[in-house]
PDB file of N, CA and C in Angstrom:
ATOM      1  N   MET A   1     -67.467  18.299 -73.325  1.00  0.00           N
ATOM      2  CA  MET A   1     -68.088  17.518 -72.083  1.00  0.00           C
ATOM      3  C   MET A   1     -67.834  15.995 -72.440  1.00  0.00           C
ATOM      4  N   GLN A   2     -68.039  15.515 -73.436  1.00  0.00           N
ATOM      5  CA  GLN A   2     -67.523  13.977 -73.599  1.00  0.00           C
ATOM      6  C   GLN A   2     -66.270  13.690 -73.219  1.00  0.00           C
ATOM      7  N   ILE A   3     -65.297  14.570 -73.214  1.00  0.00           N
ATOM      8  CA  ILE A   3     -63.916  14.337 -73.379  1.00  0.00           C
ATOM      9  C   ILE A   3     -63.465  14.261 -71.513  1.00  0.00           C
ATOM     10  N   ARG A   4     -64.392  15.178 -70.862  1.00  0.00           N
ATOM     11  CA  ARG A   4     -64.230  15.562 -69.417  1.00  0.00           C
ATOM     12  C   ARG A   4     -64.946  13.852 -68.952  1.00  0.00           C
ATOM     13  N   ILE A   5     -65.710  13.460 -69.446  1.00  0.00           N
ATOM     14  CA  ILE A   5     -66.585  12.235 -68.984  1.00  0.00           C
ATOM     15  C   ILE A   5     -65.423  11.029 -69.185  1.00  0.00           C
ATOM     16  N   PHE A   6     -64.932  11.114 -70.568  1.00  0.00           N
ATOM     17  CA  PHE A   6     -64.073   9.899 -70.933  1.00  0.00           C
ATOM     18  C   PHE A   6     -62.726   9.894 -70.163  1.00  0.00           C
ATOM     19  N   ALA A   7     -62.122  11.233 -69.675  1.00  0.00           N
ATOM     20  CA  ALA A   7     -60.889  11.414 -68.681  1.00  0.00           C
ATOM     21  C   ALA A   7     -61.518  10.756 -67.326  1.00  0.00           C
ATOM     22  N   CYS A   8     -62.660  11.200 -66.867  1.00  0.00           N
ATOM     23  CA  CYS A   8     -63.057  10.673 -65.488  1.00  0.00           C
ATOM     24  C   CYS A   8     -63.162   9.238 -65.541  1.00  0.00           C
ATOM     25  N   LEU A   9     -63.600   8.547 -66.671  1.00  0.00           N
ATOM     26  CA  LEU A   9     -63.613   7.117 -66.762  1.00  0.00           C
ATOM     27  C   LEU A   9     -62.162   6.313 -66.847  1.00  0.00           C
ATOM     28  N   MET A  10     -61.524   7.210 -67.379  1.00  0.00           N
ATOM     29  CA  MET A  10     -60.085   6.516 -67.461  1.00  0.00           C
ATOM     30  C   MET A  10     -59.482   6.717 -66.131  1.00  0.00           C
ATOM     31  N   MET A  11     -59.587   7.683 -65.514  1.00  0.00           N
ATOM     32  CA  MET A  11     -58.913   7.945 -64.043  1.00  0.00           C
ATOM     33  C   MET A  11     -59.414   6.673 -63.209  1.00  0.00           C
ATOM     34  N   VAL A  12     -60.779   6.682 -63.148  1.00  0.00           N
ATOM     35  CA  VAL A  12     -61.517   5.607 -62.412  1.00  0.00           C
ATOM     36  C   VAL A  12     -61.072   4.266 -62.543  1.00  0.00           C
ATOM     37  N   GLY A  13     -60.976   4.011 -63.840  1.00  0.00           N
ATOM     38  CA  GLY A  13     -60.566   2.337 -64.342  1.00  0.00           C
ATOM     39  C   GLY A  13     -58.931   2.354 -63.680  1.00  0.00           C
ATOM     40  N   ALA A  14     -58.107   3.568 -63.971  1.00  0.00           N
ATOM     41  CA  ALA A  14     -56.912   3.345 -63.267  1.00  0.00           C
ATOM     42  C   ALA A  14     -56.742   3.218 -61.841  1.00  0.00           C
ATOM     43  N   ALA A  15     -57.560   4.077 -61.151  1.00  0.00           N
ATOM     44  CA  ALA A  15     -57.437   3.793 -59.825  1.00  0.00           C
ATOM     45  C   ALA A  15     -57.884   2.251 -59.124  1.00  0.00           C
ATOM     46  N   LEU A  16     -59.128   1.742 -60.036  1.00  0.00           N
ATOM     47  CA  LEU A  16     -59.521   0.505 -59.603  1.00  0.00           C
ATOM     48  C   LEU A  16     -58.538  -0.442 -59.890  1.00  0.00           C
ATOM     49  N   SER A  17     -57.688  -0.391 -61.008  1.00  0.00           N
ATOM     50  CA  SER A  17     -56.693  -1.335 -61.385  1.00  0.00           C
ATOM     51  C   SER A  17     -55.556  -1.315 -60.466  1.00  0.00           C
ATOM     52  N   LEU A  18     -55.094   0.003 -59.969  1.00  0.00           N
ATOM     53  CA  LEU A  18     -54.062   0.078 -58.886  1.00  0.00           C
ATOM     54  C   LEU A  18     -54.762  -0.415 -57.768  1.00  0.00           C
ATOM     55  N   ALA A  19     -55.905  -0.286 -57.307  1.00  0.00           N
ATOM     56  CA  ALA A  19     -56.466  -0.899 -55.902  1.00  0.00           C
ATOM     57  C   ALA A  19     -56.547  -2.380 -55.749  1.00  0.00           C
ATOM     58  N   GLY A  20     -56.288  -3.073 -56.912  1.00  0.00           N
ATOM     59  CA  GLY A  20     -56.258  -4.399 -57.013  1.00  0.00           C
ATOM     60  C   GLY A  20     -57.600  -4.823 -57.543  1.00  0.00           C
ATOM     61  N   CYS A  21     -58.527  -4.279 -57.993  1.00  0.00           N
ATOM     62  CA  CYS A  21     -59.774  -4.359 -58.659  1.00  0.00           C
ATOM     63  C   CYS A  21     -59.594  -4.982 -59.994  1.00  0.00           C
ATOM     64  N   SER A  22     -58.651  -6.015 -60.473  1.00  0.00           N
ATOM     65  CA  SER A  22     -58.634  -6.464 -61.606  1.00  0.00           C
ATOM     66  C   SER A  22     -58.890  -7.942 -61.608  1.00  0.00           C
ATOM     67  N   SER A  23     -59.086  -8.809 -62.822  1.00  0.00           N
ATOM     68  CA  SER A  23     -59.385 -10.106 -62.544  1.00  0.00           C
ATOM     69  C   SER A  23     -58.107 -10.797 -62.156  1.00  0.00           C
ATOM     70  N   PRO A  24     -58.223 -11.911 -61.699  1.00  0.00           N
ATOM     71  CA  PRO A  24     -57.282 -12.638 -61.167  1.00  0.00           C
ATOM     72  C   PRO A  24     -56.258 -13.329 -61.977  1.00  0.00           C
ATOM     73  N   PRO A  25     -55.093 -13.642 -62.111  1.00  0.00           N
ATOM     74  CA  PRO A  25     -54.597 -14.294 -63.059  1.00  0.00           C
ATOM     75  C   PRO A  25     -54.827 -15.738 -63.042  1.00  0.00           C
ATOM     76  N   PRO A  26     -54.985 -16.623 -64.203  1.00  0.00           N
ATOM     77  CA  PRO A  26     -55.356 -17.817 -63.808  1.00  0.00           C
ATOM     78  C   PRO A  26     -54.365 -18.770 -63.078  1.00  0.00           C
ATOM     79  N   GLU A  27     -54.978 -19.799 -62.520  1.00  0.00           N
ATOM     80  CA  GLU A  27     -54.274 -20.463 -61.871  1.00  0.00           C
ATOM     81  C   GLU A  27     -53.573 -21.571 -62.655  1.00  0.00           C
ATOM     82  N   PRO A  28     -52.293 -21.765 -62.337  1.00  0.00           N
ATOM     83  CA  PRO A  28     -51.550 -22.850 -62.722  1.00  0.00           C
ATOM     84  C   PRO A  28     -51.947 -24.148 -62.575  1.00  0.00           C
ATOM     85  N   ASP A  29     -51.694 -25.301 -63.503  1.00  0.00           N
ATOM     86  CA  ASP A  29     -51.666 -26.565 -63.384  1.00  0.00           C
ATOM     87  C   ASP A  29     -50.851 -26.801 -62.199  1.00  0.00           C
ATOM     88  N   HIS A  30     -51.362 -27.750 -61.328  1.00  0.00           N
ATOM     89  CA  HIS A  30     -50.665 -28.041 -60.199  1.00  0.00           C
ATOM     90  C   HIS A  30     -49.424 -28.839 -60.607  1.00  0.00           C
ATOM     91  N   THR A  31     -48.496 -29.029 -59.718  1.00  0.00           N
ATOM     92  CA  THR A  31     -47.090 -29.846 -60.120  1.00  0.00           C
ATOM     93  C   THR A  31     -47.271 -31.051 -59.179  1.00  0.00           C
ATOM     94  N   PRO A  32     -47.343 -32.569 -59.475  1.00  0.00           N
ATOM     95  CA  PRO A  32     -47.678 -33.266 -58.712  1.00  0.00           C
ATOM     96  C   PRO A  32     -46.384 -33.742 -58.342  1.00  0.00           C
ATOM     97  N   LYS A  33     -45.955 -34.420 -57.153  1.00  0.00           N
ATOM     98  CA  LYS A  33     -44.851 -34.675 -56.495  1.00  0.00           C
ATOM     99  C   LYS A  33     -44.720 -36.240 -56.399  1.00  0.00           C
ATOM    100  N   LEU A  34     -43.689 -36.830 -56.868  1.00  0.00           N
ATOM    101  CA  LEU A  34     -43.390 -38.428 -56.873  1.00  0.00           C
ATOM    102  C   LEU A  34     -42.319 -38.794 -55.739  1.00  0.00           C
ATOM    103  N   GLY A  35     -42.783 -39.718 -54.958  1.00  0.00           N
ATOM    104  CA  GLY A  35     -41.671 -40.122 -54.069  1.00  0.00           C
ATOM    105  C   GLY A  35     -41.492 -41.560 -54.412  1.00  0.00           C
ATOM    106  N   VAL A  36     -40.073 -42.082 -54.489  1.00  0.00           N
ATOM    107  CA  VAL A  36     -40.053 -43.510 -54.687  1.00  0.00           C
ATOM    108  C   VAL A  36     -39.061 -44.253 -53.525  1.00  0.00           C
ATOM    109  N   ALA A  37     -39.794 -45.444 -53.204  1.00  0.00           N
ATOM    110  CA  ALA A  37     -39.025 -46.242 -52.197  1.00  0.00           C
ATOM    111  C   ALA A  37     -38.703 -47.711 -52.435  1.00  0.00           C
ATOM    112  N   GLN A  38     -37.867 -48.192 -52.274  1.00  0.00           N
ATOM    113  CA  GLN A  38     -37.416 -49.773 -52.824  1.00  0.00           C
ATOM    114  C   GLN A  38     -37.370 -50.750 -51.488  1.00  0.00           C
ATOM    115  N   ASN A  39     -38.012 -51.733 -51.147  1.00  0.00           N
ATOM    116  CA  ASN A  39     -37.523 -52.665 -50.358  1.00  0.00           C
ATOM    117  C   ASN A  39     -36.815 -53.550 -50.770  1.00  0.00           C
ATOM    118  N   ALA A  40     -36.201 -54.478 -49.574  1.00  0.00           N
ATOM    119  CA  ALA A  40     -35.432 -55.262 -49.955  1.00  0.00           C
ATOM    120  C   ALA A  40     -35.501 -56.209 -51.042  1.00  0.00           C
ATOM    121  N   ASP A  41     -36.637 -56.833 -51.212  1.00  0.00           N
ATOM    122  CA  ASP A  41     -36.892 -57.754 -52.525  1.00  0.00           C
ATOM    123  C   ASP A  41     -36.930 -56.914 -53.843  1.00  0.00           C
ATOM    124  N   GLY A  42     -36.904 -55.722 -53.877  1.00  0.00           N
ATOM    125  CA  GLY A  42     -36.525 -54.668 -55.018  1.00  0.00           C
ATOM    126  C   GLY A  42     -37.691 -54.329 -55.606  1.00  0.00           C
ATOM    127  N   ASN A  43     -39.086 -54.581 -54.850  1.00  0.00           N
ATOM    128  CA  ASN A  43     -40.213 -53.833 -54.901  1.00  0.00           C
ATOM    129  C   ASN A  43     -40.414 -52.536 -54.996  1.00  0.00           C
ATOM    130  N   LEU A  44     -40.911 -51.811 -55.753  1.00  0.00           N
ATOM    131  CA  LEU A  44     -41.003 -50.060 -55.564  1.00  0.00           C
ATOM    132  C   LEU A  44     -42.402 -49.792 -55.254  1.00  0.00           C
ATOM    133  N   THR A  45     -42.303 -48.697 -54.283  1.00  0.00           N
ATOM    134  CA  THR A  45     -43.599 -48.031 -54.099  1.00  0.00           C
ATOM    135  C   THR A  45     -43.510 -46.652 -54.492  1.00  0.00           C
ATOM    136  N   PHE A  46     -44.435 -46.427 -55.311  1.00  0.00           N
ATOM    137  CA  PHE A  46     -44.480 -44.877 -55.902  1.00  0.00           C
ATOM    138  C   PHE A  46     -45.639 -44.251 -54.919  1.00  0.00           C
ATOM    139  N   ALA A  47     -45.128 -43.071 -54.488  1.00  0.00           N
ATOM    140  CA  ALA A  47     -46.316 -42.189 -53.696  1.00  0.00           C
ATOM    141  C   ALA A  47     -46.288 -40.986 -54.591  1.00  0.00           C
ATOM    142  N   LEU A  48     -47.709 -40.646 -55.105  1.00  0.00           N
ATOM    143  CA  LEU A  48     -47.866 -39.620 -56.174  1.00  0.00           C
ATOM    144  C   LEU A  48     -49.068 -38.598 -55.401  1.00  0.00           C
ATOM    145  N   THR A  49     -48.654 -37.255 -55.341  1.00  0.00           N
ATOM    146  CA  THR A  49     -49.899 -36.411 -55.031  1.00  0.00           C
ATOM    147  C   THR A  49     -50.574 -36.361 -56.291  1.00  0.00           C
ATOM    148  N   THR A  50     -51.980 -36.198 -56.169  1.00  0.00           N
ATOM    149  CA  THR A  50     -53.042 -36.348 -57.141  1.00  0.00           C
ATOM    150  C   THR A  50     -54.119 -35.488 -56.999  1.00  0.00           C
ATOM    151  N   GLU A  51     -54.625 -34.865 -57.989  1.00  0.00           N
ATOM    152  CA  GLU A  51     -55.996 -33.847 -57.958  1.00  0.00           C
ATOM    153  C   GLU A  51     -57.063 -34.514 -58.686  1.00  0.00           C
ATOM    154  N   VAL A  52     -58.202 -34.288 -58.503  1.00  0.00           N
ATOM    155  CA  VAL A  52     -59.361 -34.955 -59.157  1.00  0.00           C
ATOM    156  C   VAL A  52     -59.200 -34.225 -60.436  1.00  0.00           C
ATOM    157  N   GLY A  53     -59.442 -35.100 -61.393  1.00  0.00           N
ATOM    158  CA  GLY A  53     -59.612 -34.367 -62.804  1.00  0.00           C
ATOM    159  C   GLY A  53     -58.356 -34.589 -63.678  1.00  0.00           C
ATOM    160  N   TYR A  54     -57.344 -35.312 -63.103  1.00  0.00           N
ATOM    161  CA  TYR A  54     -56.169 -35.264 -63.932  1.00  0.00           C
ATOM    162  C   TYR A  54     -56.036 -36.910 -63.972  1.00  0.00           C
ATOM    163  N   GLU A  55     -55.106 -37.271 -64.978  1.00  0.00           N
ATOM    164  CA  GLU A  55     -54.748 -38.498 -65.201  1.00  0.00           C
ATOM    165  C   GLU A  55     -53.162 -38.341 -64.934  1.00  0.00           C
ATOM    166  N   TYR A  56     -52.427 -39.594 -64.466  1.00  0.00           N
ATOM    167  CA  TYR A  56     -50.980 -39.526 -64.339  1.00  0.00           C
ATOM    168  C   TYR A  56     -50.423 -40.836 -64.998  1.00  0.00           C
ATOM    169  N   ALA A  57     -49.136 -40.541 -65.168  1.00  0.00           N
ATOM    170  CA  ALA A  57     -48.263 -41.559 -65.659  1.00  0.00           C
ATOM    171  C   ALA A  57     -46.892 -41.587 -65.409  1.00  0.00           C
ATOM    172  N   ILE A  58     -46.268 -42.661 -64.843  1.00  0.00           N
ATOM    173  CA  ILE A  58     -45.029 -42.472 -64.342  1.00  0.00           C
ATOM    174  C   ILE A  58     -43.995 -43.262 -65.289  1.00  0.00           C
ATOM    175  N   TYR A  59     -42.961 -42.595 -65.446  1.00  0.00           N
ATOM    176  CA  TYR A  59     -42.203 -42.906 -66.546  1.00  0.00           C
ATOM    177  C   TYR A  59     -40.620 -43.103 -65.600  1.00  0.00           C
ATOM    178  N   TYR A  60     -39.746 -43.658 -66.647  1.00  0.00           N
ATOM    179  CA  TYR A  60     -38.436 -44.085 -65.964  1.00  0.00           C
ATOM    180  C   TYR A  60     -37.271 -43.586 -67.263  1.00  0.00           C
ATOM    181  N   MET A  61     -36.164 -43.147 -66.812  1.00  0.00           N
ATOM    182  CA  MET A  61     -35.154 -42.932 -67.865  1.00  0.00           C
ATOM    183  C   MET A  61     -34.572 -44.198 -68.146  1.00  0.00           C
ATOM    184  N   ASP A  62     -34.673 -44.739 -69.599  1.00  0.00           N
ATOM    185  CA  ASP A  62     -34.167 -45.682 -70.071  1.00  0.00           C
ATOM    186  C   ASP A  62     -32.724 -45.567 -70.403  1.00  0.00           C
ATOM    187  N   PRO A  63     -31.834 -46.321 -69.621  1.00  0.00           N
ATOM    188  CA  PRO A  63     -30.192 -46.148 -69.912  1.00  0.00           C
ATOM    189  C   PRO A  63     -29.917 -46.469 -71.483  1.00  0.00           C
ATOM    190  N   LYS A  64     -30.660 -47.196 -71.924  1.00  0.00           N
ATOM    191  CA  LYS A  64     -30.214 -47.703 -73.091  1.00  0.00           C
ATOM    192  C   LYS A  64     -30.647 -46.849 -74.285  1.00  0.00           C
ATOM    193  N   SER A  65     -31.622 -46.448 -74.429  1.00  0.00           N
ATOM    194  CA  SER A  65     -32.131 -45.314 -75.472  1.00  0.00           C
ATOM    195  C   SER A  65     -31.941 -43.814 -74.905  1.00  0.00           C
ATOM    196  N   ASN A  66     -31.513 -43.836 -73.579  1.00  0.00           N
ATOM    197  CA  ASN A  66     -31.528 -42.217 -72.923  1.00  0.00           C
ATOM    198  C   ASN A  66     -32.696 -41.557 -73.357  1.00  0.00           C
ATOM    199  N   GLY A  67     -33.925 -42.282 -73.081  1.00  0.00           N
ATOM    200  CA  GLY A  67     -35.067 -41.660 -73.264  1.00  0.00           C
ATOM    201  C   GLY A  67     -36.167 -41.813 -72.141  1.00  0.00           C
ATOM    202  N   TRP A  68     -37.121 -41.295 -72.006  1.00  0.00           N
ATOM    203  CA  TRP A  68     -38.066 -41.578 -71.110  1.00  0.00           C
ATOM    204  C   TRP A  68     -38.956 -42.563 -71.474  1.00  0.00           C
ATOM    205  N   LYS A  69     -39.441 -43.853 -70.591  1.00  0.00           N
ATOM    206  CA  LYS A  69     -40.429 -44.746 -71.108  1.00  0.00           C
ATOM    207  C   LYS A  69     -41.531 -44.795 -69.955  1.00  0.00           C
ATOM    208  N   VAL A  70     -42.720 -45.009 -70.273  1.00  0.00           N
ATOM    209  CA  VAL A  70     -43.856 -45.213 -69.475  1.00  0.00           C
ATOM    210  C   VAL A  70     -43.461 -46.641 -68.647  1.00  0.00           C
ATOM    211  N   ILE A  71     -43.763 -46.511 -67.348  1.00  0.00           N
ATOM    212  CA  ILE A  71     -43.715 -48.095 -66.871  1.00  0.00           C
ATOM    213  C   ILE A  71     -45.082 -48.652 -67.211  1.00  0.00           C
ATOM    214  N   PRO A  72     -44.814 -49.949 -67.495  1.00  0.00           N
ATOM    215  CA  PRO A  72     -46.279 -50.713 -67.991  1.00  0.00           C
ATOM    216  C   PRO A  72     -46.930 -50.805 -66.642  1.00  0.00           C
ATOM    217  N   GLY A  73     -48.158 -50.562 -66.969  1.00  0.00           N
ATOM    218  CA  GLY A  73     -49.171 -50.671 -65.798  1.00  0.00           C
ATOM    219  C   GLY A  73     -49.349 -49.588 -64.869  1.00  0.00           C
ATOM    220  N   LEU A  74     -48.237 -48.539 -65.123  1.00  0.00           N
ATOM    221  CA  LEU A  74     -48.495 -47.043 -64.431  1.00  0.00           C
ATOM    222  C   LEU A  74     -48.627 -46.066 -65.500  1.00  0.00           C
ATOM    223  N   ASP A  75     -49.471 -46.265 -66.379  1.00  0.00           N
ATOM    224  CA  ASP A  75     -49.740 -45.174 -67.709  1.00  0.00           C
ATOM    225  C   ASP A  75     -51.150 -44.514 -67.291  1.00  0.00           C
ATOM    226  N   SER A  76     -52.094 -45.140 -66.576  1.00  0.00           N
ATOM    227  CA  SER A  76     -53.275 -44.417 -66.430  1.00  0.00           C
ATOM    228  C   SER A  76     -53.761 -44.549 -65.194  1.00  0.00           C
ATOM    229  N   ILE A  77     -53.126 -43.506 -64.009  1.00  0.00           N
ATOM    230  CA  ILE A  77     -53.492 -43.120 -62.807  1.00  0.00           C
ATOM    231  C   ILE A  77     -54.304 -42.039 -62.527  1.00  0.00           C
ATOM    232  N   ARG A  78     -55.686 -42.381 -62.209  1.00  0.00           N
ATOM    233  CA  ARG A  78     -56.702 -41.368 -62.088  1.00  0.00           C
ATOM    234  C   ARG A  78     -56.275 -40.695 -60.831  1.00  0.00           C
ATOM    235  N   GLY A  79     -56.581 -39.495 -60.579  1.00  0.00           N
ATOM    236  CA  GLY A  79     -56.151 -38.531 -59.631  1.00  0.00           C
ATOM    237  C   GLY A  79     -57.849 -38.601 -58.611  1.00  0.00           C
ATOM    238  N   THR A  80     -57.139 -38.774 -57.521  1.00  0.00           N
ATOM    239  CA  THR A  80     -58.330 -38.933 -56.265  1.00  0.00           C
ATOM    240  C   THR A  80     -58.413 -37.480 -55.653  1.00  0.00           C
ATOM    241  N   GLY A  81     -57.559 -36.680 -55.598  1.00  0.00           N
ATOM    242  CA  GLY A  81     -57.311 -35.502 -54.578  1.00  0.00           C
ATOM    243  C   GLY A  81     -56.530 -35.913 -53.543  1.00  0.00           C
ATOM    244  N   ALA A  82     -55.906 -36.923 -53.235  1.00  0.00           N
ATOM    245  CA  ALA A  82     -55.254 -37.653 -52.285  1.00  0.00           C
ATOM    246  C   ALA A  82     -53.841 -38.033 -52.780  1.00  0.00           C
ATOM    247  N   GLN A  83     -52.926 -38.488 -51.855  1.00  0.00           N
ATOM    248  CA  GLN A  83     -51.725 -39.181 -52.158  1.00  0.00           C
ATOM    249  C   GLN A  83     -52.136 -40.675 -52.690  1.00  0.00           C
ATOM    250  N   VAL A  84     -51.753 -40.961 -53.795  1.00  0.00           N
ATOM    251  CA  VAL A  84     -52.020 -42.491 -54.444  1.00  0.00           C
ATOM    252  C   VAL A  84     -50.588 -43.277 -54.184  1.00  0.00           C
ATOM    253  N   GLU A  85     -50.703 -44.422 -53.447  1.00  0.00           N
ATOM    254  CA  GLU A  85     -49.566 -45.279 -53.582  1.00  0.00           C
ATOM    255  C   GLU A  85     -49.715 -46.279 -54.491  1.00  0.00           C
ATOM    256  N   VAL A  86     -48.745 -46.837 -55.312  1.00  0.00           N
ATOM    257  CA  VAL A  86     -48.586 -47.828 -56.381  1.00  0.00           C
ATOM    258  C   VAL A  86     -47.584 -48.709 -56.030  1.00  0.00           C
ATOM    259  N   LYS A  87     -47.634 -49.966 -55.873  1.00  0.00           N
ATOM    260  CA  LYS A  87     -46.401 -50.928 -55.774  1.00  0.00           C
ATOM    261  C   LYS A  87     -46.023 -51.544 -57.179  1.00  0.00           C
ATOM    262  N   LYS A  88     -45.150 -51.666 -57.464  1.00  0.00           N
ATOM    263  CA  LYS A  88     -44.553 -52.073 -58.686  1.00  0.00           C
ATOM    264  C   LYS A  88     -43.293 -53.127 -58.757  1.00  0.00           C
ATOM    265  N   ARG A  89     -42.927 -54.428 -59.350  1.00  0.00           N
ATOM    266  CA  ARG A  89     -41.706 -54.791 -59.425  1.00  0.00           C
ATOM    267  C   ARG A  89     -41.102 -54.143 -60.508  1.00  0.00           C
ATOM    268  N   PHE A  90     -40.012 -53.772 -60.449  1.00  0.00           N
ATOM    269  CA  PHE A  90     -39.206 -53.025 -61.289  1.00  0.00           C
ATOM    270  C   PHE A  90     -37.896 -53.566 -61.532  1.00  0.00           C
ATOM    271  N   ASN A  91     -37.488 -54.336 -62.717  1.00  0.00           N
ATOM    272  CA  ASN A  91     -36.314 -54.820 -62.793  1.00  0.00           C
ATOM    273  C   ASN A  91     -35.448 -53.805 -63.611  1.00  0.00           C
ATOM    274  N   SER A  92     -34.101 -53.796 -62.565  1.00  0.00           N
ATOM    275  CA  SER A  92     -33.137 -52.731 -63.081  1.00  0.00           C
ATOM    276  C   SER A  92     -31.794 -53.379 -62.850  1.00  0.00           C
ATOM    277  N   SER A  93     -30.872 -53.473 -63.679  1.00  0.00           N
ATOM    278  CA  SER A  93     -29.507 -53.914 -63.421  1.00  0.00           C
ATOM    279  C   SER A  93     -28.964 -52.796 -63.064  1.00  0.00           C
ATOM    280  N   GLY A  94     -28.472 -52.828 -61.472  1.00  0.00           N
ATOM    281  CA  GLY A  94     -27.717 -51.819 -61.000  1.00  0.00           C
ATOM    282  C   GLY A  94     -28.398 -51.039 -60.428  1.00  0.00           C
ATOM    283  N   SER A  95     -28.194 -49.472 -60.082  1.00  0.00           N
ATOM    284  CA  SER A  95     -28.872 -48.549 -59.314  1.00  0.00           C
ATOM    285  C   SER A  95     -30.196 -48.452 -60.187  1.00  0.00           C
ATOM    286  N   LEU A  96     -31.245 -47.916 -59.517  1.00  0.00           N
ATOM    287  CA  LEU A  96     -32.244 -47.429 -59.977  1.00  0.00           C
ATOM    288  C   LEU A  96     -32.214 -46.080 -60.896  1.00  0.00           C
ATOM    289  N   PRO A  97     -33.046 -45.994 -62.165  1.00  0.00           N
ATOM    290  CA  PRO A  97     -33.053 -44.919 -62.845  1.00  0.00           C
ATOM    291  C   PRO A  97     -33.924 -43.935 -62.363  1.00  0.00           C
ATOM    292  N   ALA A  98     -33.655 -42.678 -63.006  1.00  0.00           N
ATOM    293  CA  ALA A  98     -34.527 -41.365 -62.637  1.00  0.00           C
ATOM    294  C   ALA A  98     -36.005 -41.958 -63.124  1.00  0.00           C
ATOM    295  N   PHE A  99     -36.755 -41.269 -62.084  1.00  0.00           N
ATOM    296  CA  PHE A  99     -38.504 -41.497 -62.162  1.00  0.00           C
ATOM    297  C   PHE A  99     -38.991 -40.179 -62.543  1.00  0.00           C
ATOM    298  N   THR A 100     -39.860 -40.074 -63.183  1.00  0.00           N
ATOM    299  CA  THR A 100     -40.816 -38.737 -63.582  1.00  0.00           C
ATOM    300  C   THR A 100     -42.202 -38.978 -63.621  1.00  0.00           C
ATOM    301  N   VAL A 101     -43.056 -38.038 -63.211  1.00  0.00           N
ATOM    302  CA  VAL A 101     -44.546 -38.076 -63.337  1.00  0.00           C
ATOM    303  C   VAL A 101     -44.928 -37.167 -64.452  1.00  0.00           C
ATOM    304  N   ARG A 102     -45.756 -37.568 -65.448  1.00  0.00           N
ATOM    305  CA  ARG A 102     -46.534 -36.456 -66.404  1.00  0.00           C
ATOM    306  C   ARG A 102     -48.081 -36.476 -66.217  1.00  0.00           C
ATOM    307  N   HIS A 103     -48.557 -35.632 -66.332  1.00  0.00           N
ATOM    308  CA  HIS A 103     -50.189 -35.680 -66.122  1.00  0.00           C
ATOM    309  C   HIS A 103     -50.858 -34.837 -66.941  1.00  0.00           C
ATOM    310  N   THR A 104     -52.345 -35.245 -67.208  1.00  0.00           N
ATOM    311  CA  THR A 104     -52.893 -34.594 -68.138  1.00  0.00           C
ATOM    312  C   THR A 104     -54.327 -34.253 -67.543  1.00  0.00           C
ATOM    313  N   LYS A 105     -55.087 -33.196 -67.932  1.00  0.00           N
ATOM    314  CA  LYS A 105     -56.269 -32.713 -67.627  1.00  0.00           C
ATOM    315  C   LYS A 105     -57.235 -33.823 -68.247  1.00  0.00           C
ATOM    316  N   MET A 106     -58.184 -34.397 -67.494  1.00  0.00           N
ATOM    317  CA  MET A 106     -59.249 -34.981 -68.060  1.00  0.00           C
ATOM    318  C   MET A 106     -60.458 -34.146 -68.284  1.00  0.00           C
ATOM    319  N   PHE A 107     -61.119 -34.351 -69.481  1.00  0.00           N
ATOM    320  CA  PHE A 107     -62.348 -33.436 -69.648  1.00  0.00           C
ATOM    321  C   PHE A 107     -63.553 -34.072 -69.524  1.00  0.00           C
TER     322      PHE A 107
END
C-alpha cells in the first residue's frame, strides 16, 4: 500500500514538473549599457542605464599599463532606475580608449 502511494506521489510530482509548476529560475543581474559621446571641446558625456539598488563605476583602458582604471569622479554612481548622464573632461592623447562599466549590488 505504501509503495502505491509513493508511486502515485512520484507520478504527480513528475506531471507537475512537466506542466511547468516548478519554481522559476533566479533572475540574472541586469547588464548596464554605456554610451559615450564627445563634443568639440573634448568633453565626454557618459549615458548609463541604471537600476535602483546598484552602484556603478566607469573605467577606461589605460594604454600605458594595458589595464582598466576607474575614471576619477565616476567611481560611485547610484542607480536611479533610469538613464543617468554624466559629463566629464577626459584628457587623452590621440583617439579615445575603450570604456566599460562595472556595477555592484548595494545592501
